[in-house]
N, C-alpha and C. Protein backbone atom coordinates (compact mmCIF):
# COMPACT_ATOMS: atom_id res chain seq x y z
N MET A 1 0.84 -1.17 0.00
CA MET A 1 0.00 0.00 0.00
C MET A 1 0.88 1.24 0.00
N GLY A 2 0.63 2.17 -0.89
CA GLY A 2 1.42 3.39 -0.98
C GLY A 2 1.02 4.40 0.07
N ILE A 3 1.79 5.44 0.18
CA ILE A 3 1.56 6.47 1.18
C ILE A 3 0.17 7.08 1.05
N LEU A 4 -0.28 7.31 -0.16
CA LEU A 4 -1.55 8.01 -0.38
C LEU A 4 -2.74 7.08 -0.55
N ASP A 5 -2.51 5.78 -0.66
CA ASP A 5 -3.60 4.85 -0.98
C ASP A 5 -4.73 4.87 0.04
N SER A 6 -4.40 4.86 1.33
CA SER A 6 -5.44 4.76 2.35
C SER A 6 -6.21 6.06 2.55
N LEU A 7 -5.70 7.15 2.03
CA LEU A 7 -6.31 8.44 2.28
C LEU A 7 -7.64 8.64 1.59
N GLU A 8 -7.84 7.98 0.46
CA GLU A 8 -9.07 8.18 -0.29
C GLU A 8 -10.29 7.67 0.48
N ASN A 9 -10.09 6.80 1.46
CA ASN A 9 -11.20 6.25 2.23
C ASN A 9 -11.42 6.98 3.56
N ASN A 10 -10.71 8.05 3.81
CA ASN A 10 -10.81 8.80 5.06
C ASN A 10 -12.12 9.59 5.09
N PRO A 11 -13.01 9.31 6.08
CA PRO A 11 -14.30 10.01 6.14
C PRO A 11 -14.16 11.52 6.29
N ALA A 12 -13.21 11.98 7.09
CA ALA A 12 -13.01 13.42 7.25
C ALA A 12 -12.61 14.05 5.93
N LEU A 13 -11.79 13.34 5.20
CA LEU A 13 -11.36 13.83 3.90
C LEU A 13 -12.53 13.94 2.94
N ARG A 14 -13.32 12.90 2.88
CA ARG A 14 -14.48 12.92 1.96
C ARG A 14 -15.39 14.09 2.28
N SER A 15 -15.61 14.33 3.56
CA SER A 15 -16.45 15.46 3.96
C SER A 15 -15.82 16.77 3.55
N ALA A 16 -14.52 16.91 3.79
CA ALA A 16 -13.84 18.16 3.48
C ALA A 16 -13.80 18.45 1.99
N LEU A 17 -13.63 17.43 1.20
CA LEU A 17 -13.51 17.64 -0.24
C LEU A 17 -14.85 17.83 -0.92
N GLY A 18 -15.91 17.37 -0.26
CA GLY A 18 -17.25 17.58 -0.79
C GLY A 18 -17.37 17.21 -2.25
N GLN A 19 -17.79 18.15 -3.06
CA GLN A 19 -18.08 17.89 -4.47
C GLN A 19 -16.83 17.55 -5.28
N LEU A 20 -15.67 17.93 -4.83
CA LEU A 20 -14.46 17.63 -5.58
C LEU A 20 -14.10 16.16 -5.50
N GLY A 21 -14.51 15.51 -4.40
CA GLY A 21 -14.27 14.09 -4.24
C GLY A 21 -12.88 13.78 -3.75
N ALA A 22 -12.70 12.56 -3.29
CA ALA A 22 -11.44 12.12 -2.71
C ALA A 22 -10.31 12.05 -3.72
N ALA A 23 -10.62 12.11 -4.99
CA ALA A 23 -9.57 12.04 -6.01
C ALA A 23 -8.63 13.24 -5.93
N VAL A 24 -9.05 14.34 -5.31
CA VAL A 24 -8.22 15.54 -5.22
C VAL A 24 -7.13 15.39 -4.15
N LEU A 25 -7.35 14.55 -3.14
CA LEU A 25 -6.40 14.45 -2.04
C LEU A 25 -4.98 14.14 -2.48
N PRO A 26 -4.76 13.17 -3.35
CA PRO A 26 -3.37 12.92 -3.75
C PRO A 26 -2.69 14.16 -4.33
N ALA A 27 -3.42 14.97 -5.06
CA ALA A 27 -2.84 16.19 -5.63
C ALA A 27 -2.49 17.19 -4.53
N VAL A 28 -3.38 17.33 -3.55
CA VAL A 28 -3.11 18.25 -2.44
C VAL A 28 -1.89 17.78 -1.65
N LEU A 29 -1.89 16.51 -1.29
CA LEU A 29 -0.76 15.99 -0.51
C LEU A 29 0.53 15.99 -1.31
N ASN A 30 0.45 15.77 -2.61
CA ASN A 30 1.65 15.83 -3.44
C ASN A 30 2.25 17.23 -3.39
N GLU A 31 1.40 18.24 -3.37
CA GLU A 31 1.91 19.61 -3.27
C GLU A 31 2.58 19.85 -1.93
N VAL A 32 2.01 19.30 -0.88
CA VAL A 32 2.58 19.50 0.45
C VAL A 32 3.79 18.60 0.67
N LEU A 33 3.64 17.32 0.32
CA LEU A 33 4.69 16.35 0.60
C LEU A 33 5.67 16.19 -0.54
N GLY A 34 5.26 16.59 -1.72
CA GLY A 34 6.11 16.42 -2.90
C GLY A 34 7.22 17.45 -2.94
N SER A 35 7.84 17.53 -4.07
CA SER A 35 9.02 18.39 -4.18
C SER A 35 8.69 19.82 -4.56
N ASN A 36 7.41 20.18 -4.61
CA ASN A 36 7.05 21.53 -5.02
C ASN A 36 7.52 22.57 -4.01
N ASN A 37 6.63 23.22 -3.31
CA ASN A 37 6.97 24.33 -2.41
C ASN A 37 7.75 23.90 -1.19
N GLN A 38 7.42 22.75 -0.62
CA GLN A 38 7.95 22.37 0.68
C GLN A 38 9.25 21.57 0.61
N GLY A 39 9.64 21.08 -0.54
CA GLY A 39 10.90 20.37 -0.67
C GLY A 39 10.83 18.89 -0.41
N GLY A 40 9.65 18.33 -0.32
CA GLY A 40 9.50 16.90 -0.13
C GLY A 40 9.30 16.53 1.32
N LEU A 41 8.99 15.27 1.52
CA LEU A 41 8.69 14.76 2.86
C LEU A 41 9.89 14.91 3.79
N SER A 42 11.08 14.66 3.31
CA SER A 42 12.28 14.81 4.15
C SER A 42 12.46 16.25 4.62
N ALA A 43 12.18 17.20 3.73
CA ALA A 43 12.31 18.61 4.10
C ALA A 43 11.27 19.01 5.14
N ILE A 44 10.04 18.48 4.99
CA ILE A 44 9.00 18.79 5.98
C ILE A 44 9.37 18.19 7.33
N VAL A 45 9.89 16.97 7.32
CA VAL A 45 10.33 16.33 8.57
C VAL A 45 11.43 17.17 9.21
N ALA A 46 12.38 17.64 8.42
CA ALA A 46 13.46 18.48 8.96
C ALA A 46 12.90 19.78 9.54
N LYS A 47 11.94 20.41 8.85
CA LYS A 47 11.32 21.63 9.37
C LYS A 47 10.62 21.37 10.70
N LEU A 48 9.92 20.24 10.77
CA LEU A 48 9.23 19.90 12.01
C LEU A 48 10.23 19.70 13.15
N GLN A 49 11.32 19.00 12.87
CA GLN A 49 12.33 18.76 13.90
C GLN A 49 12.95 20.08 14.36
N GLN A 50 13.25 20.96 13.41
CA GLN A 50 13.85 22.26 13.74
C GLN A 50 12.89 23.16 14.50
N SER A 51 11.59 22.90 14.34
CA SER A 51 10.56 23.72 15.00
C SER A 51 10.14 23.15 16.36
N GLY A 52 10.85 22.15 16.84
CA GLY A 52 10.57 21.61 18.16
C GLY A 52 9.63 20.42 18.20
N PHE A 53 9.38 19.80 17.06
CA PHE A 53 8.48 18.65 17.01
C PHE A 53 9.24 17.34 16.78
N GLY A 54 10.46 17.28 17.31
CA GLY A 54 11.29 16.09 17.15
C GLY A 54 10.68 14.84 17.76
N ASP A 55 10.01 14.99 18.91
CA ASP A 55 9.38 13.82 19.54
C ASP A 55 8.29 13.24 18.66
N GLN A 56 7.49 14.11 18.07
CA GLN A 56 6.44 13.63 17.17
C GLN A 56 7.06 12.91 15.97
N VAL A 57 8.03 13.55 15.34
CA VAL A 57 8.67 12.96 14.16
C VAL A 57 9.29 11.62 14.51
N LYS A 58 9.96 11.56 15.64
CA LYS A 58 10.59 10.30 16.07
C LYS A 58 9.55 9.19 16.21
N SER A 59 8.37 9.53 16.74
CA SER A 59 7.32 8.52 16.89
C SER A 59 6.78 8.08 15.54
N TRP A 60 6.75 8.98 14.57
CA TRP A 60 6.25 8.63 13.24
C TRP A 60 7.22 7.72 12.51
N LEU A 61 8.51 7.94 12.75
CA LEU A 61 9.54 7.15 12.09
C LEU A 61 9.69 5.77 12.73
N GLY A 62 9.44 5.69 14.01
CA GLY A 62 9.63 4.44 14.72
C GLY A 62 8.40 3.55 14.69
N ASN A 63 8.55 2.40 15.30
CA ASN A 63 7.42 1.49 15.45
C ASN A 63 6.64 1.91 16.68
N GLY A 64 5.37 1.73 16.64
CA GLY A 64 4.55 2.11 17.78
C GLY A 64 3.61 3.24 17.39
N GLN A 65 2.95 3.78 18.40
CA GLN A 65 1.93 4.79 18.16
C GLN A 65 2.55 6.12 17.73
N ASN A 66 1.89 6.76 16.77
CA ASN A 66 2.32 8.07 16.30
C ASN A 66 1.79 9.15 17.23
N LEU A 67 2.67 10.02 17.71
CA LEU A 67 2.23 11.16 18.49
C LEU A 67 1.54 12.15 17.56
N PRO A 68 0.51 12.83 18.06
CA PRO A 68 -0.24 13.76 17.20
C PRO A 68 0.48 15.09 17.02
N ILE A 69 0.06 15.79 16.00
CA ILE A 69 0.43 17.18 15.79
C ILE A 69 -0.87 17.91 15.46
N SER A 70 -1.02 19.10 15.95
CA SER A 70 -2.27 19.82 15.71
C SER A 70 -2.23 20.52 14.35
N ALA A 71 -3.40 20.86 13.88
CA ALA A 71 -3.50 21.59 12.61
C ALA A 71 -2.78 22.93 12.72
N ASP A 72 -2.93 23.61 13.86
CA ASP A 72 -2.27 24.91 14.05
C ASP A 72 -0.76 24.78 14.05
N GLN A 73 -0.25 23.74 14.71
CA GLN A 73 1.19 23.52 14.74
C GLN A 73 1.71 23.25 13.33
N LEU A 74 1.01 22.44 12.61
CA LEU A 74 1.43 22.09 11.26
C LEU A 74 1.35 23.30 10.33
N ARG A 75 0.31 24.09 10.46
CA ARG A 75 0.18 25.32 9.64
C ARG A 75 1.34 26.26 9.92
N ALA A 76 1.75 26.35 11.19
CA ALA A 76 2.86 27.23 11.55
C ALA A 76 4.15 26.77 10.90
N VAL A 77 4.37 25.47 10.84
CA VAL A 77 5.60 24.93 10.24
C VAL A 77 5.56 25.03 8.72
N LEU A 78 4.45 24.67 8.12
CA LEU A 78 4.34 24.71 6.66
C LEU A 78 4.23 26.13 6.14
N GLY A 79 3.68 26.99 6.96
CA GLY A 79 3.43 28.37 6.57
C GLY A 79 1.95 28.58 6.34
N ARG A 80 1.41 29.51 7.05
CA ARG A 80 -0.03 29.76 6.95
C ARG A 80 -0.43 30.15 5.52
N ASP A 81 0.42 30.92 4.86
CA ASP A 81 0.11 31.31 3.48
C ASP A 81 0.07 30.10 2.56
N THR A 82 0.98 29.17 2.74
CA THR A 82 1.00 27.96 1.92
C THR A 82 -0.28 27.17 2.10
N VAL A 83 -0.71 27.01 3.34
CA VAL A 83 -1.94 26.26 3.62
C VAL A 83 -3.14 26.99 3.05
N ARG A 84 -3.17 28.31 3.19
CA ARG A 84 -4.29 29.09 2.62
C ARG A 84 -4.34 28.96 1.10
N GLN A 85 -3.18 29.03 0.47
CA GLN A 85 -3.13 28.91 -0.99
C GLN A 85 -3.61 27.54 -1.45
N LEU A 86 -3.18 26.49 -0.76
CA LEU A 86 -3.64 25.14 -1.11
C LEU A 86 -5.13 25.01 -0.93
N ALA A 87 -5.63 25.52 0.17
CA ALA A 87 -7.06 25.44 0.44
C ALA A 87 -7.85 26.17 -0.65
N ALA A 88 -7.38 27.33 -1.04
CA ALA A 88 -8.06 28.10 -2.08
C ALA A 88 -7.98 27.38 -3.43
N ARG A 89 -6.82 26.85 -3.74
CA ARG A 89 -6.62 26.16 -5.03
C ARG A 89 -7.56 24.97 -5.18
N TYR A 90 -7.78 24.25 -4.09
CA TYR A 90 -8.60 23.04 -4.16
C TYR A 90 -10.00 23.24 -3.57
N ASN A 91 -10.34 24.50 -3.24
CA ASN A 91 -11.67 24.83 -2.73
C ASN A 91 -12.03 24.01 -1.49
N ILE A 92 -11.07 23.94 -0.56
CA ILE A 92 -11.24 23.23 0.70
C ILE A 92 -11.11 24.27 1.81
N PRO A 93 -12.01 24.30 2.77
CA PRO A 93 -11.86 25.25 3.89
C PRO A 93 -10.51 25.04 4.60
N VAL A 94 -9.86 26.14 4.93
CA VAL A 94 -8.52 26.10 5.53
C VAL A 94 -8.51 25.23 6.78
N ASP A 95 -9.51 25.39 7.65
CA ASP A 95 -9.53 24.61 8.88
C ASP A 95 -9.60 23.11 8.59
N GLN A 96 -10.40 22.73 7.61
CA GLN A 96 -10.53 21.31 7.28
C GLN A 96 -9.25 20.79 6.64
N LEU A 97 -8.63 21.57 5.79
CA LEU A 97 -7.37 21.14 5.19
C LEU A 97 -6.31 20.95 6.26
N GLY A 98 -6.24 21.89 7.20
CA GLY A 98 -5.28 21.76 8.30
C GLY A 98 -5.50 20.49 9.11
N GLN A 99 -6.75 20.17 9.40
CA GLN A 99 -7.07 18.96 10.15
C GLN A 99 -6.67 17.70 9.37
N ILE A 100 -6.97 17.70 8.09
CA ILE A 100 -6.63 16.54 7.26
C ILE A 100 -5.12 16.35 7.21
N LEU A 101 -4.39 17.44 7.00
CA LEU A 101 -2.92 17.33 6.96
C LEU A 101 -2.37 16.86 8.30
N ALA A 102 -2.93 17.37 9.40
CA ALA A 102 -2.47 16.96 10.72
C ALA A 102 -2.74 15.48 10.97
N GLN A 103 -3.82 14.97 10.43
CA GLN A 103 -4.15 13.54 10.58
C GLN A 103 -3.26 12.68 9.67
N GLU A 104 -3.04 13.15 8.46
CA GLU A 104 -2.42 12.30 7.46
C GLU A 104 -0.90 12.38 7.38
N LEU A 105 -0.31 13.50 7.77
CA LEU A 105 1.15 13.60 7.71
C LEU A 105 1.84 12.55 8.58
N PRO A 106 1.42 12.33 9.84
CA PRO A 106 2.07 11.27 10.62
C PRO A 106 1.96 9.90 9.94
N LYS A 107 0.81 9.62 9.34
CA LYS A 107 0.64 8.34 8.63
C LYS A 107 1.56 8.26 7.42
N ALA A 108 1.67 9.36 6.69
CA ALA A 108 2.53 9.37 5.50
C ALA A 108 3.99 9.14 5.87
N VAL A 109 4.45 9.80 6.94
CA VAL A 109 5.84 9.62 7.38
C VAL A 109 6.03 8.19 7.87
N ASP A 110 5.06 7.68 8.62
CA ASP A 110 5.14 6.32 9.15
C ASP A 110 5.24 5.31 8.01
N GLN A 111 4.38 5.46 7.00
CA GLN A 111 4.38 4.51 5.88
C GLN A 111 5.62 4.64 5.01
N ALA A 112 6.19 5.84 4.94
CA ALA A 112 7.37 6.05 4.10
C ALA A 112 8.66 5.63 4.79
N SER A 113 8.56 5.24 6.07
CA SER A 113 9.77 4.92 6.83
C SER A 113 9.70 3.56 7.51
N PRO A 114 9.48 2.49 6.75
CA PRO A 114 9.36 1.17 7.38
C PRO A 114 10.65 0.72 8.08
N GLU A 115 11.77 1.27 7.69
CA GLU A 115 13.05 0.90 8.30
C GLU A 115 13.44 1.86 9.43
N GLY A 116 12.54 2.78 9.79
CA GLY A 116 12.82 3.72 10.87
C GLY A 116 13.45 5.01 10.40
N HIS A 117 13.61 5.19 9.11
CA HIS A 117 14.13 6.44 8.55
C HIS A 117 13.56 6.62 7.15
N LEU A 118 13.53 7.87 6.72
CA LEU A 118 12.99 8.14 5.38
C LEU A 118 14.03 7.80 4.34
N PRO A 119 13.58 7.26 3.21
CA PRO A 119 14.52 7.02 2.11
C PRO A 119 15.02 8.37 1.59
N ARG A 120 16.16 8.37 0.97
CA ARG A 120 16.74 9.62 0.47
C ARG A 120 15.86 10.34 -0.54
N THR A 121 15.00 9.60 -1.22
CA THR A 121 14.17 10.21 -2.25
C THR A 121 12.84 10.73 -1.73
N ALA A 122 12.58 10.60 -0.44
CA ALA A 122 11.29 11.05 0.12
C ALA A 122 11.22 12.55 0.22
């Protein structure tokens, strides 16, 4: 199962995307996690660690339960303008997009790091 595969079945996501449908989520997450504005998953993980969220990141990389991150914390790290632009581009309310990203980023990091670390291409 790929990083984005399980996301299409997320009830919160379906609600947030409304008429656009769950097919939009991979595009949204690709913009956040991909190599576009944020520099990829490794760069986001590095930003989180530098911003004081090392314990959360460590839990996502390791085996066991993932520690949560709030939508506000994630927006602060990613940049509020970036989150607003994504929300506007995909016609998703900012608050809902923040919640979805806060729920799904730990899962994405966890799934991308089965060996306890991200691959160099992440």
